[in-house]
Amino acid sequence: MKQVLALAVAVFGLAVPLTARASEMDAALAKLQEARGHLQSAKGGDFAGHRQNALEHVDKAIDQVQQGLRAAGKDQRQDEKKADQLEKKIDRLEKQEEKLRQ
């Protein structure tokens, strides 16, 4: 029974942190894209080249966040595979426990 509980906790633990991190990254991406729009529509000149410099940095940040989200997707698929394997182990342990109780 303790093994079943430990495996269940492990399965649940795999999914939660990645989802939370990805939603924060999605929010960051949206804010960066919003910031890019503001920089592009800023009136009053180029601000001595700083507006263009800021745009380049925001574009790089957007790219990095997108790469991170792609990597997180890969990690999530690996975590889902591990979770599936752990769920199968839980099922086997539960069946063994049931046989022992008979």
N, C-alpha and C. Protein backbone atom coordinates (compact mmCIF):
# COMPACT_ATOMS: atom_id res chain seq x y z
N MET A 1 0.82 -1.19 0.00
CA MET A 1 0.00 0.00 0.00
C MET A 1 0.87 1.27 0.00
N LYS A 2 1.94 1.25 0.77
CA LYS A 2 2.83 2.40 0.82
C LYS A 2 3.46 2.66 -0.54
N GLN A 3 3.79 1.57 -1.27
CA GLN A 3 4.38 1.73 -2.59
C GLN A 3 3.39 2.38 -3.55
N VAL A 4 2.13 1.96 -3.47
CA VAL A 4 1.10 2.53 -4.33
C VAL A 4 0.95 4.02 -4.07
N LEU A 5 0.91 4.39 -2.81
CA LEU A 5 0.78 5.79 -2.45
C LEU A 5 1.99 6.60 -2.93
N ALA A 6 3.18 6.07 -2.74
CA ALA A 6 4.40 6.76 -3.18
C ALA A 6 4.41 6.97 -4.68
N LEU A 7 3.99 5.96 -5.43
CA LEU A 7 3.95 6.09 -6.89
C LEU A 7 2.88 7.09 -7.32
N ALA A 8 1.76 7.09 -6.65
CA ALA A 8 0.70 8.05 -6.98
C ALA A 8 1.18 9.47 -6.76
N VAL A 9 1.87 9.70 -5.67
CA VAL A 9 2.42 11.03 -5.39
C VAL A 9 3.43 11.41 -6.47
N ALA A 10 4.24 10.48 -6.89
CA ALA A 10 5.24 10.76 -7.93
C ALA A 10 4.56 11.12 -9.25
N VAL A 11 3.51 10.41 -9.62
CA VAL A 11 2.79 10.70 -10.87
C VAL A 11 2.20 12.10 -10.81
N PHE A 12 1.55 12.44 -9.71
CA PHE A 12 0.95 13.76 -9.57
C PHE A 12 2.02 14.85 -9.57
N GLY A 13 3.12 14.58 -8.94
CA GLY A 13 4.20 15.56 -8.84
C GLY A 13 4.85 15.89 -10.16
N LEU A 14 4.79 14.99 -11.12
CA LEU A 14 5.39 15.26 -12.43
C LEU A 14 4.62 16.31 -13.20
N ALA A 15 3.31 16.29 -13.11
CA ALA A 15 2.49 17.13 -13.97
C ALA A 15 2.36 18.57 -13.48
N VAL A 16 2.24 18.80 -12.20
CA VAL A 16 1.91 20.12 -11.69
C VAL A 16 2.98 21.17 -11.95
N PRO A 17 4.24 20.95 -11.59
CA PRO A 17 5.21 22.04 -11.75
C PRO A 17 5.41 22.49 -13.19
N LEU A 18 5.41 21.57 -14.13
CA LEU A 18 5.64 21.92 -15.52
C LEU A 18 4.50 22.78 -16.06
N THR A 19 3.27 22.44 -15.72
CA THR A 19 2.12 23.21 -16.17
C THR A 19 2.18 24.62 -15.63
N ALA A 20 2.51 24.77 -14.35
CA ALA A 20 2.60 26.09 -13.75
C ALA A 20 3.69 26.93 -14.41
N ARG A 21 4.83 26.31 -14.66
CA ARG A 21 5.93 27.04 -15.30
C ARG A 21 5.55 27.47 -16.70
N ALA A 22 4.90 26.60 -17.45
CA ALA A 22 4.53 26.92 -18.83
C ALA A 22 3.54 28.07 -18.86
N SER A 23 2.57 28.11 -17.93
CA SER A 23 1.60 29.20 -17.94
C SER A 23 2.27 30.53 -17.62
N GLU A 24 3.28 30.53 -16.75
CA GLU A 24 4.02 31.76 -16.46
C GLU A 24 4.81 32.20 -17.69
N MET A 25 5.38 31.24 -18.40
CA MET A 25 6.12 31.57 -19.63
C MET A 25 5.17 32.11 -20.69
N ASP A 26 3.98 31.54 -20.79
CA ASP A 26 2.98 32.05 -21.74
C ASP A 26 2.63 33.49 -21.41
N ALA A 27 2.45 33.78 -20.13
CA ALA A 27 2.13 35.14 -19.70
C ALA A 27 3.28 36.09 -20.02
N ALA A 28 4.50 35.64 -19.78
CA ALA A 28 5.68 36.47 -20.09
C ALA A 28 5.75 36.76 -21.59
N LEU A 29 5.47 35.74 -22.40
CA LEU A 29 5.49 35.93 -23.85
C LEU A 29 4.46 36.98 -24.28
N ALA A 30 3.27 36.90 -23.72
CA ALA A 30 2.22 37.87 -24.06
C ALA A 30 2.64 39.29 -23.67
N LYS A 31 3.24 39.43 -22.50
CA LYS A 31 3.68 40.76 -22.05
C LYS A 31 4.81 41.30 -22.93
N LEU A 32 5.72 40.41 -23.32
CA LEU A 32 6.81 40.85 -24.21
C LEU A 32 6.26 41.29 -25.56
N GLN A 33 5.30 40.55 -26.08
CA GLN A 33 4.69 40.93 -27.36
C GLN A 33 3.94 42.26 -27.23
N GLU A 34 3.30 42.45 -26.09
CA GLU A 34 2.62 43.73 -25.84
C GLU A 34 3.64 44.87 -25.76
N ALA A 35 4.74 44.62 -25.07
CA ALA A 35 5.80 45.63 -24.95
C ALA A 35 6.36 45.97 -26.33
N ARG A 36 6.52 44.95 -27.17
CA ARG A 36 7.03 45.18 -28.53
C ARG A 36 6.10 46.11 -29.30
N GLY A 37 4.82 45.87 -29.16
CA GLY A 37 3.83 46.73 -29.82
C GLY A 37 3.92 48.17 -29.36
N HIS A 38 4.08 48.35 -28.06
CA HIS A 38 4.22 49.71 -27.52
C HIS A 38 5.48 50.39 -28.05
N LEU A 39 6.58 49.65 -28.10
CA LEU A 39 7.82 50.23 -28.61
C LEU A 39 7.69 50.60 -30.08
N GLN A 40 7.02 49.76 -30.85
CA GLN A 40 6.87 50.05 -32.27
C GLN A 40 6.00 51.27 -32.52
N SER A 41 4.99 51.46 -31.69
CA SER A 41 4.07 52.57 -31.92
C SER A 41 4.44 53.85 -31.14
N ALA A 42 5.55 53.79 -30.44
CA ALA A 42 5.98 54.97 -29.65
C ALA A 42 6.22 56.16 -30.58
N LYS A 43 5.68 57.28 -30.19
CA LYS A 43 5.84 58.51 -30.98
C LYS A 43 6.92 59.36 -30.33
N GLY A 44 7.53 60.19 -31.12
CA GLY A 44 8.53 61.11 -30.58
C GLY A 44 9.93 60.80 -31.05
N GLY A 45 10.06 60.03 -32.10
CA GLY A 45 11.37 59.76 -32.66
C GLY A 45 11.93 58.42 -32.21
N ASP A 46 13.22 58.29 -32.41
CA ASP A 46 13.88 57.01 -32.13
C ASP A 46 14.53 57.01 -30.75
N PHE A 47 14.39 58.11 -30.02
CA PHE A 47 14.96 58.22 -28.67
C PHE A 47 16.44 57.88 -28.67
N ALA A 48 17.15 58.54 -29.56
CA ALA A 48 18.61 58.41 -29.69
C ALA A 48 19.04 56.96 -29.90
N GLY A 49 18.25 56.21 -30.64
CA GLY A 49 18.58 54.82 -30.97
C GLY A 49 18.18 53.81 -29.91
N HIS A 50 17.70 54.29 -28.77
CA HIS A 50 17.36 53.38 -27.68
C HIS A 50 16.09 52.58 -27.95
N ARG A 51 15.16 53.19 -28.68
CA ARG A 51 13.92 52.46 -29.00
C ARG A 51 14.24 51.25 -29.87
N GLN A 52 15.07 51.44 -30.88
CA GLN A 52 15.45 50.33 -31.76
C GLN A 52 16.24 49.28 -30.99
N ASN A 53 17.14 49.72 -30.12
CA ASN A 53 17.91 48.80 -29.29
C ASN A 53 16.97 47.99 -28.39
N ALA A 54 15.99 48.65 -27.80
CA ALA A 54 15.02 47.97 -26.94
C ALA A 54 14.21 46.95 -27.74
N LEU A 55 13.82 47.32 -28.96
CA LEU A 55 13.09 46.39 -29.82
C LEU A 55 13.91 45.13 -30.10
N GLU A 56 15.18 45.31 -30.38
CA GLU A 56 16.04 44.16 -30.64
C GLU A 56 16.15 43.25 -29.41
N HIS A 57 16.26 43.85 -28.25
CA HIS A 57 16.34 43.05 -27.01
C HIS A 57 15.02 42.33 -26.74
N VAL A 58 13.91 43.01 -26.97
CA VAL A 58 12.60 42.37 -26.76
C VAL A 58 12.42 41.22 -27.74
N ASP A 59 12.85 41.41 -28.99
CA ASP A 59 12.75 40.34 -29.97
C ASP A 59 13.58 39.12 -29.54
N LYS A 60 14.76 39.38 -29.00
CA LYS A 60 15.59 38.27 -28.51
C LYS A 60 14.92 37.58 -27.32
N ALA A 61 14.32 38.36 -26.44
CA ALA A 61 13.63 37.78 -25.29
C ALA A 61 12.44 36.94 -25.74
N ILE A 62 11.70 37.43 -26.71
CA ILE A 62 10.56 36.68 -27.25
C ILE A 62 11.05 35.34 -27.80
N ASP A 63 12.13 35.38 -28.56
CA ASP A 63 12.70 34.16 -29.13
C ASP A 63 13.10 33.17 -28.03
N GLN A 64 13.74 33.68 -26.97
CA GLN A 64 14.17 32.81 -25.88
C GLN A 64 12.99 32.16 -25.17
N VAL A 65 11.94 32.94 -24.93
CA VAL A 65 10.75 32.39 -24.28
C VAL A 65 10.11 31.32 -25.16
N GLN A 66 10.03 31.59 -26.46
CA GLN A 66 9.46 30.60 -27.38
C GLN A 66 10.28 29.32 -27.39
N GLN A 67 11.61 29.46 -27.37
CA GLN A 67 12.46 28.27 -27.31
C GLN A 67 12.25 27.51 -26.00
N GLY A 68 12.10 28.26 -24.93
CA GLY A 68 11.85 27.63 -23.63
C GLY A 68 10.54 26.86 -23.61
N LEU A 69 9.51 27.45 -24.23
CA LEU A 69 8.21 26.77 -24.29
C LEU A 69 8.29 25.50 -25.13
N ARG A 70 9.05 25.56 -26.21
CA ARG A 70 9.23 24.34 -27.03
C ARG A 70 9.96 23.26 -26.23
N ALA A 71 10.98 23.68 -25.50
CA ALA A 71 11.72 22.72 -24.67
C ALA A 71 10.83 22.16 -23.56
N ALA A 72 9.99 23.01 -22.97
CA ALA A 72 9.08 22.56 -21.92
C ALA A 72 8.09 21.55 -22.48
N GLY A 73 7.67 21.76 -23.73
CA GLY A 73 6.76 20.80 -24.37
C GLY A 73 7.42 19.44 -24.50
N LYS A 74 8.70 19.45 -24.84
CA LYS A 74 9.45 18.20 -24.94
C LYS A 74 9.56 17.56 -23.57
N ASP A 75 9.89 18.37 -22.56
CA ASP A 75 9.97 17.86 -21.18
C ASP A 75 8.64 17.30 -20.73
N GLN A 76 7.56 17.99 -21.09
CA GLN A 76 6.23 17.54 -20.67
C GLN A 76 5.91 16.18 -21.29
N ARG A 77 6.26 16.00 -22.55
CA ARG A 77 6.01 14.70 -23.19
C ARG A 77 6.79 13.60 -22.48
N GLN A 78 8.04 13.91 -22.09
CA GLN A 78 8.84 12.92 -21.36
C GLN A 78 8.23 12.64 -20.00
N ASP A 79 7.75 13.69 -19.33
CA ASP A 79 7.12 13.51 -18.02
C ASP A 79 5.83 12.70 -18.15
N GLU A 80 5.07 12.95 -19.21
CA GLU A 80 3.83 12.19 -19.42
C GLU A 80 4.14 10.71 -19.63
N LYS A 81 5.22 10.43 -20.36
CA LYS A 81 5.61 9.04 -20.57
C LYS A 81 5.98 8.39 -19.24
N LYS A 82 6.75 9.12 -18.41
CA LYS A 82 7.12 8.60 -17.09
C LYS A 82 5.87 8.39 -16.24
N ALA A 83 4.92 9.33 -16.31
CA ALA A 83 3.69 9.21 -15.53
C ALA A 83 2.91 7.98 -15.97
N ASP A 84 2.85 7.73 -17.27
CA ASP A 84 2.16 6.53 -17.77
C ASP A 84 2.81 5.27 -17.23
N GLN A 85 4.14 5.26 -17.23
CA GLN A 85 4.85 4.08 -16.72
C GLN A 85 4.58 3.88 -15.23
N LEU A 86 4.56 4.99 -14.49
CA LEU A 86 4.28 4.89 -13.06
C LEU A 86 2.84 4.43 -12.80
N GLU A 87 1.91 4.90 -13.61
CA GLU A 87 0.53 4.47 -13.46
C GLU A 87 0.39 2.96 -13.70
N LYS A 88 1.13 2.45 -14.66
CA LYS A 88 1.11 1.00 -14.91
C LYS A 88 1.67 0.25 -13.72
N LYS A 89 2.73 0.79 -13.11
CA LYS A 89 3.30 0.15 -11.92
C LYS A 89 2.30 0.16 -10.78
N ILE A 90 1.58 1.27 -10.63
CA ILE A 90 0.56 1.36 -9.59
C ILE A 90 -0.51 0.29 -9.80
N ASP A 91 -0.96 0.15 -11.04
CA ASP A 91 -1.97 -0.87 -11.35
C ASP A 91 -1.47 -2.26 -10.99
N ARG A 92 -0.22 -2.56 -11.36
CA ARG A 92 0.34 -3.88 -11.05
C ARG A 92 0.43 -4.10 -9.54
N LEU A 93 0.87 -3.08 -8.81
CA LEU A 93 0.98 -3.20 -7.36
C LEU A 93 -0.40 -3.37 -6.72
N GLU A 94 -1.38 -2.67 -7.22
CA GLU A 94 -2.74 -2.81 -6.68
C GLU A 94 -3.27 -4.22 -6.92
N LYS A 95 -2.99 -4.76 -8.09
CA LYS A 95 -3.42 -6.14 -8.39
C LYS A 95 -2.71 -7.14 -7.48
N GLN A 96 -1.41 -6.91 -7.25
CA GLN A 96 -0.66 -7.79 -6.34
C GLN A 96 -1.21 -7.69 -4.92
N GLU A 97 -1.52 -6.48 -4.51
CA GLU A 97 -2.07 -6.28 -3.17
C GLU A 97 -3.42 -7.00 -3.04
N GLU A 98 -4.23 -6.89 -4.08
CA GLU A 98 -5.54 -7.55 -4.07
C GLU A 98 -5.39 -9.07 -3.96
N LYS A 99 -4.43 -9.63 -4.68
CA LYS A 99 -4.19 -11.07 -4.62
C LYS A 99 -3.74 -11.49 -3.24
N LEU A 100 -2.91 -10.68 -2.61
CA LEU A 100 -2.42 -10.99 -1.26
C LEU A 100 -3.54 -10.98 -0.23
N ARG A 101 -4.51 -10.16 -0.44
CA ARG A 101 -5.63 -10.05 0.51
C ARG A 101 -6.62 -11.22 0.38
N GLN A 102 -6.56 -11.92 -0.72
CA GLN A 102 -7.52 -13.02 -0.95
C GLN A 102 -7.16 -14.24 -0.17
